Amino acid sequence: MSEIKVGNKMVGDGHPCYLIAEIGINHNGDVSLAKKLISVAVAAGFDAIKFQKRTIDVVYTKEELAKPRENPFGPTNGDLKRGLEFGLDAYREIDHYCKEVNIPWFASCWDEQAVDFISQFDVPCYKIASASLTDDSLLRYTRTKGKPVILSTGMSTIEQIDKAVRILGKENLLVMHASSTYPANYDELNLKCIPMLRERYGVLVGYSGHETGLASSVAAAVLGASMVERHVTMNRASWGSDQAASLEPSGTMRLARDIRLVEQSMGDGVKRLLPREVPIMDKLRRIGK
């Protein structure tokens, strides 16, 4: 497969790299902060916004939710998980704002109820988080919504990815290479997996990066990533588990700029004399003009 349609944009061979700004849970339960991050992504020229959606009592056990964990929302892990989870009113506000600024949004849905929740909105696609790659029922249920599926492959063996791809099928599928460490060390990124996954599955492949810098995400685009996703934040020192692995506004702007410059630089592989080289050639070459 050389291209798929995500919303109103084509993604794949011959098309610009599709840039996703993952807000995820970096909004810290604050819709106004989510809007600021959306505005940063729009200003940088990103193509889409991504959130995460969980049905807390389905994804986590009572024991897990009851564990002590100091956080801004209370003394337990359950307070944290519920505090970070936007409800219907918040997503309606986000959906309205994204329409105002003309950028689509979607979410990684961690359970079937979350898929149904997000399907209330006209999202262009669905994301399978790396943590959910082995949830066969969720994969099958997500497919019933009839939208493109983005499969993230962090914390997974190649055999587990093989099975997930078999379950999802290859139509309208994009596989994301990822390393699920936060932030990721550069020797953990293994970017050569991008062309390997494309050859192995014959589908489009993207890159979901959790490193602190920009160069490796630009390199992912050079290696053939049709989609690049990075977490975004207003301040990497903010409270939250994903903040340190995120890009601040300046980094968000530079990443989009650098990927677009690299795309311009790739050319078509045909060596030719450039018109702007001719006067330089006439000036500098003594023989064989």
C-alpha atoms as a PDB file:
ATOM      1  CA  MET A   1       0.000   0.000   0.000  1.00  0.00           C
ATOM      2  CA  SER A   2       1.496   3.322  -1.063  1.00  0.00           C
ATOM      3  CA  GLU A   3      -1.059   5.734   0.412  1.00  0.00           C
ATOM      4  CA  ILE A   4      -4.075   5.987   2.669  1.00  0.00           C
ATOM      5  CA  LYS A   5      -6.544   8.793   3.287  1.00  0.00           C
ATOM      6  CA  VAL A   6      -6.662  10.209   6.805  1.00  0.00           C
ATOM      7  CA  GLY A   7      -9.493  12.694   7.018  1.00  0.00           C
ATOM      8  CA  ASN A   8      -9.069  14.987   4.030  1.00  0.00           C
ATOM      9  CA  LYS A   9      -5.339  14.344   3.561  1.00  0.00           C
ATOM     10  CA  MET A  10      -3.489  11.627   1.706  1.00  0.00           C
ATOM     11  CA  VAL A  11      -0.686   9.987   3.638  1.00  0.00           C
ATOM     12  CA  GLY A  12       2.100   7.910   2.106  1.00  0.00           C
ATOM     13  CA  ASP A  13       4.380   7.803  -0.889  1.00  0.00           C
ATOM     14  CA  GLY A  14       4.598  11.111  -2.716  1.00  0.00           C
ATOM     15  CA  HIS A  15       2.824  13.012   0.062  1.00  0.00           C
ATOM     16  CA  PRO A  16       4.241  15.180   2.859  1.00  0.00           C
ATOM     17  CA  CYS A  17       4.984  13.440   6.131  1.00  0.00           C
ATOM     18  CA  TYR A  18       1.843  13.582   8.291  1.00  0.00           C
ATOM     19  CA  LEU A  19       2.759  15.307  11.562  1.00  0.00           C
ATOM     20  CA  ILE A  20       0.861  14.460  14.747  1.00  0.00           C
ATOM     21  CA  ALA A  21       1.111  16.506  17.927  1.00  0.00           C
ATOM     22  CA  GLU A  22       0.278  14.198  20.792  1.00  0.00           C
ATOM     23  CA  ILE A  23      -1.156  16.110  23.712  1.00  0.00           C
ATOM     24  CA  GLY A  24      -2.011  12.786  25.329  1.00  0.00           C
ATOM     25  CA  ILE A  25      -2.348  13.549  29.036  1.00  0.00           C
ATOM     26  CA  ASN A  26      -0.009  16.561  29.019  1.00  0.00           C
ATOM     27  CA  HIS A  27      -3.080  18.784  29.451  1.00  0.00           C
ATOM     28  CA  ASN A  28      -3.128  17.728  33.132  1.00  0.00           C
ATOM     29  CA  GLY A  29      -6.900  17.803  33.147  1.00  0.00           C
ATOM     30  CA  ASP A  30      -7.106  21.429  31.980  1.00  0.00           C
ATOM     31  CA  VAL A  31      -9.036  22.117  28.765  1.00  0.00           C
ATOM     32  CA  SER A  32      -7.550  25.603  28.480  1.00  0.00           C
ATOM     33  CA  LEU A  33      -4.051  24.105  28.508  1.00  0.00           C
ATOM     34  CA  ALA A  34      -5.127  21.600  25.853  1.00  0.00           C
ATOM     35  CA  LYS A  35      -6.276  24.508  23.686  1.00  0.00           C
ATOM     36  CA  LYS A  36      -2.927  26.259  24.083  1.00  0.00           C
ATOM     37  CA  LEU A  37      -1.148  23.107  22.924  1.00  0.00           C
ATOM     38  CA  ILE A  38      -3.515  22.776  19.975  1.00  0.00           C
ATOM     39  CA  SER A  39      -2.685  26.356  19.009  1.00  0.00           C
ATOM     40  CA  VAL A  40       1.043  25.597  19.170  1.00  0.00           C
ATOM     41  CA  ALA A  41       0.583  22.608  16.840  1.00  0.00           C
ATOM     42  CA  VAL A  42      -1.474  24.666  14.400  1.00  0.00           C
ATOM     43  CA  ALA A  43       1.116  27.449  14.355  1.00  0.00           C
ATOM     44  CA  ALA A  44       3.868  24.905  13.708  1.00  0.00           C
ATOM     45  CA  GLY A  45       1.986  23.414  10.753  1.00  0.00           C
ATOM     46  CA  PHE A  46       1.181  20.010  12.228  1.00  0.00           C
ATOM     47  CA  ASP A  47      -1.551  17.951  10.577  1.00  0.00           C
ATOM     48  CA  ALA A  48      -3.431  16.511  13.553  1.00  0.00           C
ATOM     49  CA  ILE A  49      -3.807  16.417  17.331  1.00  0.00           C
ATOM     50  CA  LYS A  50      -3.926  13.224  19.381  1.00  0.00           C
ATOM     51  CA  PHE A  51      -5.288  12.535  22.844  1.00  0.00           C
ATOM     52  CA  GLN A  52      -5.612   9.365  24.921  1.00  0.00           C
ATOM     53  CA  LYS A  53      -8.950   7.973  26.105  1.00  0.00           C
ATOM     54  CA  ARG A  54      -9.485   5.361  28.802  1.00  0.00           C
ATOM     55  CA  THR A  55     -12.509   4.040  30.645  1.00  0.00           C
ATOM     56  CA  ILE A  56     -10.802   4.123  34.021  1.00  0.00           C
ATOM     57  CA  ASP A  57     -12.725   1.330  35.737  1.00  0.00           C
ATOM     58  CA  VAL A  58     -12.191  -0.951  32.731  1.00  0.00           C
ATOM     59  CA  VAL A  59      -8.496  -0.318  32.113  1.00  0.00           C
ATOM     60  CA  TYR A  60      -7.420  -0.389  35.774  1.00  0.00           C
ATOM     61  CA  THR A  61      -8.293  -2.770  38.600  1.00  0.00           C
ATOM     62  CA  LYS A  62      -9.737  -1.545  41.887  1.00  0.00           C
ATOM     63  CA  GLU A  63      -6.477  -2.525  43.562  1.00  0.00           C
ATOM     64  CA  GLU A  64      -4.442  -0.468  41.119  1.00  0.00           C
ATOM     65  CA  LEU A  65      -6.692   2.561  41.531  1.00  0.00           C
ATOM     66  CA  ALA A  66      -6.534   2.321  45.318  1.00  0.00           C
ATOM     67  CA  LYS A  67      -2.724   2.410  45.478  1.00  0.00           C
ATOM     68  CA  PRO A  68      -1.274   5.456  47.241  1.00  0.00           C
ATOM     69  CA  ARG A  69       0.168   7.964  44.788  1.00  0.00           C
ATOM     70  CA  GLU A  70       0.570  11.604  45.632  1.00  0.00           C
ATOM     71  CA  ASN A  71      -0.609  13.784  42.768  1.00  0.00           C
ATOM     72  CA  PRO A  72      -2.361  17.118  42.144  1.00  0.00           C
ATOM     73  CA  PHE A  73      -5.785  15.443  42.226  1.00  0.00           C
ATOM     74  CA  GLY A  74      -5.545  13.469  45.470  1.00  0.00           C
ATOM     75  CA  PRO A  75      -3.673  10.772  47.390  1.00  0.00           C
ATOM     76  CA  THR A  76      -4.383   7.703  45.223  1.00  0.00           C
ATOM     77  CA  ASN A  77      -3.607   6.440  41.740  1.00  0.00           C
ATOM     78  CA  GLY A  78      -7.339   6.494  41.028  1.00  0.00           C
ATOM     79  CA  ASP A  79      -7.480  10.214  41.792  1.00  0.00           C
ATOM     80  CA  LEU A  80      -4.691  10.751  39.274  1.00  0.00           C
ATOM     81  CA  LYS A  81      -6.223   8.627  36.513  1.00  0.00           C
ATOM     82  CA  ARG A  82      -9.645  10.221  36.871  1.00  0.00           C
ATOM     83  CA  GLY A  83      -8.181  13.708  37.114  1.00  0.00           C
ATOM     84  CA  LEU A  84      -6.363  13.280  33.806  1.00  0.00           C
ATOM     85  CA  GLU A  85      -9.387  11.899  31.949  1.00  0.00           C
ATOM     86  CA  PHE A  86     -11.453  14.360  29.928  1.00  0.00           C
ATOM     87  CA  GLY A  87     -15.190  13.677  29.813  1.00  0.00           C
ATOM     88  CA  LEU A  88     -17.826  14.416  27.210  1.00  0.00           C
ATOM     89  CA  ASP A  89     -18.148  18.147  27.883  1.00  0.00           C
ATOM     90  CA  ALA A  90     -14.376  18.631  27.662  1.00  0.00           C
ATOM     91  CA  TYR A  91     -14.115  16.729  24.379  1.00  0.00           C
ATOM     92  CA  ARG A  92     -17.039  18.663  22.937  1.00  0.00           C
ATOM     93  CA  GLU A  93     -15.158  21.856  23.735  1.00  0.00           C
ATOM     94  CA  ILE A  94     -11.961  20.439  22.213  1.00  0.00           C
ATOM     95  CA  ASP A  95     -13.823  19.252  19.129  1.00  0.00           C
ATOM     96  CA  HIS A  96     -15.365  22.696  18.655  1.00  0.00           C
ATOM     97  CA  TYR A  97     -12.014  24.419  19.100  1.00  0.00           C
ATOM     98  CA  CYS A  98     -10.243  22.107  16.644  1.00  0.00           C
ATOM     99  CA  LYS A  99     -12.927  22.881  14.075  1.00  0.00           C
ATOM    100  CA  GLU A 100     -12.392  26.607  14.691  1.00  0.00           C
ATOM    101  CA  VAL A 101      -8.645  26.353  14.062  1.00  0.00           C
ATOM    102  CA  ASN A 102      -9.084  23.780  11.267  1.00  0.00           C
ATOM    103  CA  ILE A 103      -7.102  20.825  12.592  1.00  0.00           C
ATOM    104  CA  PRO A 104      -8.438  17.275  13.054  1.00  0.00           C
ATOM    105  CA  TRP A 105      -8.011  15.336  16.283  1.00  0.00           C
ATOM    106  CA  PHE A 106      -8.256  11.705  17.311  1.00  0.00           C
ATOM    107  CA  ALA A 107      -7.237   9.499  20.213  1.00  0.00           C
ATOM    108  CA  SER A 108      -5.566   6.332  21.345  1.00  0.00           C
ATOM    109  CA  CYS A 109      -8.463   4.339  22.771  1.00  0.00           C
ATOM    110  CA  TRP A 110      -7.459   1.864  25.488  1.00  0.00           C
ATOM    111  CA  ASP A 111     -10.728  -0.109  25.664  1.00  0.00           C
ATOM    112  CA  GLU A 112     -13.878  -0.768  23.678  1.00  0.00           C
ATOM    113  CA  GLN A 113     -15.976   1.741  25.639  1.00  0.00           C
ATOM    114  CA  ALA A 114     -13.371   4.390  24.896  1.00  0.00           C
ATOM    115  CA  VAL A 115     -13.648   3.562  21.182  1.00  0.00           C
ATOM    116  CA  ASP A 116     -17.411   4.086  21.368  1.00  0.00           C
ATOM    117  CA  PHE A 117     -16.906   7.330  23.274  1.00  0.00           C
ATOM    118  CA  ILE A 118     -14.526   8.756  20.675  1.00  0.00           C
ATOM    119  CA  SER A 119     -16.736   7.544  17.820  1.00  0.00           C
ATOM    120  CA  GLN A 120     -19.291  10.188  18.867  1.00  0.00           C
ATOM    121  CA  PHE A 121     -16.977  12.624  17.108  1.00  0.00           C
ATOM    122  CA  ASP A 122     -15.994  12.635  13.450  1.00  0.00           C
ATOM    123  CA  VAL A 123     -12.393  11.561  14.041  1.00  0.00           C
ATOM    124  CA  PRO A 124     -10.304  10.739  10.941  1.00  0.00           C
ATOM    125  CA  CYS A 125      -8.705   7.578  12.368  1.00  0.00           C
ATOM    126  CA  TYR A 126      -8.067   5.544  15.506  1.00  0.00           C
ATOM    127  CA  LYS A 127      -4.778   4.803  17.236  1.00  0.00           C
ATOM    128  CA  ILE A 128      -3.835   1.571  18.971  1.00  0.00           C
ATOM    129  CA  ALA A 129      -1.367   2.409  21.754  1.00  0.00           C
ATOM    130  CA  SER A 130       1.714   0.250  22.158  1.00  0.00           C
ATOM    131  CA  ALA A 131       0.367  -0.981  25.487  1.00  0.00           C
ATOM    132  CA  SER A 132      -2.778  -2.246  23.717  1.00  0.00           C
ATOM    133  CA  LEU A 133      -1.083  -4.042  20.813  1.00  0.00           C
ATOM    134  CA  THR A 134      -1.777  -7.478  22.340  1.00  0.00           C
ATOM    135  CA  ASP A 135      -5.433  -6.707  23.153  1.00  0.00           C
ATOM    136  CA  ASP A 136      -6.957  -8.764  20.337  1.00  0.00           C
ATOM    137  CA  SER A 137     -10.543  -7.854  21.197  1.00  0.00           C
ATOM    138  CA  LEU A 138      -9.765  -4.132  21.169  1.00  0.00           C
ATOM    139  CA  LEU A 139      -8.038  -4.449  17.791  1.00  0.00           C
ATOM    140  CA  ARG A 140     -11.028  -6.227  16.298  1.00  0.00           C
ATOM    141  CA  TYR A 141     -13.500  -3.773  17.804  1.00  0.00           C
ATOM    142  CA  THR A 142     -11.558  -0.733  16.594  1.00  0.00           C
ATOM    143  CA  ARG A 143     -11.691  -2.136  13.073  1.00  0.00           C
ATOM    144  CA  THR A 144     -15.508  -2.193  13.168  1.00  0.00           C
ATOM    145  CA  LYS A 145     -15.542   1.617  13.089  1.00  0.00           C
ATOM    146  CA  GLY A 146     -14.398   1.615   9.457  1.00  0.00           C
ATOM    147  CA  LYS A 147     -11.669   4.236   9.822  1.00  0.00           C
ATOM    148  CA  PRO A 148      -7.904   3.970   9.211  1.00  0.00           C
ATOM    149  CA  VAL A 149      -6.012   2.423  12.116  1.00  0.00           C
ATOM    150  CA  ILE A 150      -2.585   3.501  13.350  1.00  0.00           C
ATOM    151  CA  LEU A 151      -0.809   0.725  15.248  1.00  0.00           C
ATOM    152  CA  SER A 152       2.010   1.690  17.593  1.00  0.00           C
ATOM    153  CA  THR A 153       4.589  -1.040  18.215  1.00  0.00           C
ATOM    154  CA  GLY A 154       6.595  -0.051  21.280  1.00  0.00           C
ATOM    155  CA  MET A 155       7.230  -2.671  24.001  1.00  0.00           C
ATOM    156  CA  SER A 156       6.383  -5.417  21.457  1.00  0.00           C
ATOM    157  CA  THR A 157       8.171  -8.357  19.859  1.00  0.00           C
ATOM    158  CA  ILE A 158       8.079  -8.869  16.122  1.00  0.00           C
ATOM    159  CA  GLU A 159       5.893 -11.941  16.668  1.00  0.00           C
ATOM    160  CA  GLN A 160       3.375  -9.851  18.610  1.00  0.00           C
ATOM    161  CA  ILE A 161       3.348  -7.264  15.831  1.00  0.00           C
ATOM    162  CA  ASP A 162       2.852 -10.034  13.254  1.00  0.00           C
ATOM    163  CA  LYS A 163      -0.254 -11.198  15.136  1.00  0.00           C
ATOM    164  CA  ALA A 164      -1.656  -7.685  15.528  1.00  0.00           C
ATOM    165  CA  VAL A 165      -1.243  -7.003  11.804  1.00  0.00           C
ATOM    166  CA  ARG A 166      -2.994 -10.297  10.992  1.00  0.00           C
ATOM    167  CA  ILE A 167      -5.914  -9.356  13.231  1.00  0.00           C
ATOM    168  CA  LEU A 168      -6.228  -5.804  11.891  1.00  0.00           C
ATOM    169  CA  GLY A 169      -5.583  -6.631   8.261  1.00  0.00           C
ATOM    170  CA  LYS A 170      -3.449  -4.440   6.063  1.00  0.00           C
ATOM    171  CA  GLU A 171      -6.135  -2.265   4.499  1.00  0.00           C
ATOM    172  CA  ASN A 172      -5.997   1.323   5.779  1.00  0.00           C
ATOM    173  CA  LEU A 173      -3.329   0.352   8.299  1.00  0.00           C
ATOM    174  CA  LEU A 174      -0.265   2.352   9.238  1.00  0.00           C
ATOM    175  CA  VAL A 175       2.303   0.785  11.585  1.00  0.00           C
ATOM    176  CA  MET A 176       4.264   3.114  13.853  1.00  0.00           C
ATOM    177  CA  HIS A 177       7.767   2.207  14.981  1.00  0.00           C
ATOM    178  CA  ALA A 178       8.260   3.263  18.609  1.00  0.00           C
ATOM    179  CA  SER A 179      10.424   2.695  21.659  1.00  0.00           C
ATOM    180  CA  SER A 180       8.342   2.880  24.813  1.00  0.00           C
ATOM    181  CA  THR A 181      10.802   4.512  27.171  1.00  0.00           C
ATOM    182  CA  TYR A 182      10.137   8.027  28.464  1.00  0.00           C
ATOM    183  CA  PRO A 183      12.299   9.786  27.513  1.00  0.00           C
ATOM    184  CA  ALA A 184      13.975   7.320  25.158  1.00  0.00           C
ATOM    185  CA  ASN A 185      17.751   7.080  24.932  1.00  0.00           C
ATOM    186  CA  TYR A 186      19.146   7.484  21.443  1.00  0.00           C
ATOM    187  CA  ASP A 187      20.659   4.002  21.430  1.00  0.00           C
ATOM    188  CA  GLU A 188      17.150   2.624  22.014  1.00  0.00           C
ATOM    189  CA  LEU A 189      15.505   4.218  18.964  1.00  0.00           C
ATOM    190  CA  ASN A 190      16.543   1.630  16.324  1.00  0.00           C
ATOM    191  CA  LEU A 191      15.323   3.715  13.394  1.00  0.00           C
ATOM    192  CA  LYS A 192      16.369   1.054  10.896  1.00  0.00           C
ATOM    193  CA  CYS A 193      13.182  -0.741  11.928  1.00  0.00           C
ATOM    194  CA  ILE A 194      11.220   1.775   9.840  1.00  0.00           C
ATOM    195  CA  PRO A 195      12.229   0.337   6.423  1.00  0.00           C
ATOM    196  CA  MET A 196      12.241  -3.185   7.912  1.00  0.00           C
ATOM    197  CA  LEU A 197       8.607  -2.939   9.047  1.00  0.00           C
ATOM    198  CA  ARG A 198       7.543  -1.529   5.686  1.00  0.00           C
ATOM    199  CA  GLU A 199       9.217  -4.398   3.835  1.00  0.00           C
ATOM    200  CA  ARG A 200       7.870  -7.007   6.238  1.00  0.00           C
ATOM    201  CA  TYR A 201       4.212  -5.953   6.134  1.00  0.00           C
ATOM    202  CA  GLY A 202       3.865  -4.025   2.892  1.00  0.00           C
ATOM    203  CA  VAL A 203       2.066  -1.175   4.659  1.00  0.00           C
ATOM    204  CA  LEU A 204       2.909   2.421   5.388  1.00  0.00           C
ATOM    205  CA  VAL A 205       5.143   2.922   8.407  1.00  0.00           C
ATOM    206  CA  GLY A 206       5.509   5.912  10.693  1.00  0.00           C
ATOM    207  CA  TYR A 207       7.478   6.887  13.767  1.00  0.00           C
ATOM    208  CA  SER A 208       6.268   7.721  17.262  1.00  0.00           C
ATOM    209  CA  GLY A 209       9.183   9.333  19.085  1.00  0.00           C
ATOM    210  CA  HIS A 210       9.727   9.721  22.816  1.00  0.00           C
ATOM    211  CA  GLU A 211      13.276  11.104  22.708  1.00  0.00           C
ATOM    212  CA  THR A 212      14.141  14.604  23.847  1.00  0.00           C
ATOM    213  CA  GLY A 213      15.649  15.976  20.617  1.00  0.00           C
ATOM    214  CA  LEU A 214      14.689  16.536  17.006  1.00  0.00           C
ATOM    215  CA  ALA A 215      17.364  14.975  14.788  1.00  0.00           C
ATOM    216  CA  SER A 216      16.146  11.391  15.102  1.00  0.00           C
ATOM    217  CA  SER A 217      12.568  12.322  14.227  1.00  0.00           C
ATOM    218  CA  VAL A 218      13.816  14.134  11.132  1.00  0.00           C
ATOM    219  CA  ALA A 219      15.909  11.072  10.284  1.00  0.00           C
ATOM    220  CA  ALA A 220      12.785   8.924  10.611  1.00  0.00           C
ATOM    221  CA  ALA A 221      11.160  10.954   7.847  1.00  0.00           C
ATOM    222  CA  VAL A 222      14.269  10.504   5.686  1.00  0.00           C
ATOM    223  CA  LEU A 223      14.100   6.732   6.279  1.00  0.00           C
ATOM    224  CA  GLY A 224      10.572   6.642   4.908  1.00  0.00           C
ATOM    225  CA  ALA A 225       8.250   7.384   7.818  1.00  0.00           C
ATOM    226  CA  SER A 226       4.970   8.558   6.308  1.00  0.00           C
ATOM    227  CA  MET A 227       3.819   9.831   9.691  1.00  0.00           C
ATOM    228  CA  VAL A 228       5.745  11.300  12.627  1.00  0.00           C
ATOM    229  CA  GLU A 229       4.186  11.717  16.050  1.00  0.00           C
ATOM    230  CA  ARG A 230       5.695  13.586  18.989  1.00  0.00           C
ATOM    231  CA  HIS A 231       4.340  14.534  22.411  1.00  0.00           C
ATOM    232  CA  VAL A 232       4.003  18.279  22.933  1.00  0.00           C
ATOM    233  CA  THR A 233       4.044  20.372  26.099  1.00  0.00           C
ATOM    234  CA  MET A 234       4.302  23.985  27.135  1.00  0.00           C
ATOM    235  CA  ASN A 235       7.100  23.140  29.575  1.00  0.00           C
ATOM    236  CA  ARG A 236       9.052  19.889  29.872  1.00  0.00           C
ATOM    237  CA  ALA A 237       9.544  20.561  33.574  1.00  0.00           C
ATOM    238  CA  SER A 238       5.776  20.515  34.165  1.00  0.00           C
ATOM    239  CA  TRP A 239       4.227  17.887  36.382  1.00  0.00           C
ATOM    240  CA  GLY A 240       3.386  14.664  34.526  1.00  0.00           C
ATOM    241  CA  SER A 241       4.906  11.391  33.358  1.00  0.00           C
ATOM    242  CA  ASP A 242       5.140  12.320  29.652  1.00  0.00           C
ATOM    243  CA  GLN A 243       6.356  15.907  29.925  1.00  0.00           C
ATOM    244  CA  ALA A 244      10.095  15.187  29.839  1.00  0.00           C
ATOM    245  CA  ALA A 245       9.690  13.187  26.608  1.00  0.00           C
ATOM    246  CA  SER A 246       7.795  16.019  24.910  1.00  0.00           C
ATOM    247  CA  LEU A 247       8.627  18.970  22.691  1.00  0.00           C
ATOM    248  CA  GLU A 248       8.123  22.501  23.910  1.00  0.00           C
ATOM    249  CA  PRO A 249       6.664  25.104  21.496  1.00  0.00           C
ATOM    250  CA  SER A 250      10.048  26.057  20.023  1.00  0.00           C
ATOM    251  CA  GLY A 251      10.954  22.423  19.418  1.00  0.00           C
ATOM    252  CA  THR A 252       7.548  21.749  17.887  1.00  0.00           C
ATOM    253  CA  MET A 253       8.079  24.584  15.427  1.00  0.00           C
ATOM    254  CA  ARG A 254      11.609  23.462  14.547  1.00  0.00           C
ATOM    255  CA  LEU A 255      10.619  19.837  13.990  1.00  0.00           C
ATOM    256  CA  ALA A 256       7.945  20.741  11.462  1.00  0.00           C
ATOM    257  CA  ARG A 257      10.314  23.196   9.753  1.00  0.00           C
ATOM    258  CA  ASP A 258      13.166  20.697   9.540  1.00  0.00           C
ATOM    259  CA  ILE A 259      11.038  17.833   8.206  1.00  0.00           C
ATOM    260  CA  ARG A 260       9.589  20.087   5.508  1.00  0.00           C
ATOM    261  CA  LEU A 261      13.073  21.302   4.549  1.00  0.00           C
ATOM    262  CA  VAL A 262      14.307  17.717   4.294  1.00  0.00           C
ATOM    263  CA  GLU A 263      11.332  16.822   2.098  1.00  0.00           C
ATOM    264  CA  GLN A 264      12.268  19.678  -0.246  1.00  0.00           C
ATOM    265  CA  SER A 265      15.869  18.479  -0.241  1.00  0.00           C
ATOM    266  CA  MET A 266      15.209  14.857  -1.254  1.00  0.00           C
ATOM    267  CA  GLY A 267      14.642  15.565  -4.956  1.00  0.00           C
ATOM    268  CA  ASP A 268      13.991  12.808  -7.487  1.00  0.00           C
ATOM    269  CA  GLY A 269      17.376  11.047  -7.587  1.00  0.00           C
ATOM    270  CA  VAL A 270      18.149  12.145 -11.155  1.00  0.00           C
ATOM    271  CA  LYS A 271      21.553  13.842 -11.418  1.00  0.00           C
ATOM    272  CA  ARG A 272      21.403  16.930 -13.620  1.00  0.00           C
ATOM    273  CA  LEU A 273      23.110  20.260 -14.185  1.00  0.00           C
ATOM    274  CA  LEU A 274      21.114  22.900 -12.360  1.00  0.00           C
ATOM    275  CA  PRO A 275      20.424  26.207 -14.117  1.00  0.00           C
ATOM    276  CA  ARG A 276      21.831  28.047 -11.078  1.00  0.00           C
ATOM    277  CA  GLU A 277      25.044  26.030 -11.408  1.00  0.00           C
ATOM    278  CA  VAL A 278      25.728  27.176 -14.990  1.00  0.00           C
ATOM    279  CA  PRO A 279      27.257  30.605 -14.201  1.00  0.00           C
ATOM    280  CA  ILE A 280      29.359  29.002 -11.445  1.00  0.00           C
ATOM    281  CA  MET A 281      30.519  26.331 -13.904  1.00  0.00           C
ATOM    282  CA  ASP A 282      31.398  28.985 -16.488  1.00  0.00           C
ATOM    283  CA  LYS A 283      33.420  30.835 -13.912  1.00  0.00           C
ATOM    284  CA  LEU A 284      35.267  27.957 -12.260  1.00  0.00           C
ATOM    285  CA  ARG A 285      35.631  25.073 -14.756  1.00  0.00           C
ATOM    286  CA  ARG A 286      38.616  25.326 -17.106  1.00  0.00           C
ATOM    287  CA  ILE A 287      38.027  22.205 -19.254  1.00  0.00           C
ATOM    288  CA  GLY A 288      34.907  20.367 -20.386  1.00  0.00           C
ATOM    289  CA  LYS A 289      32.289  23.074 -20.119  1.00  0.00           C
END
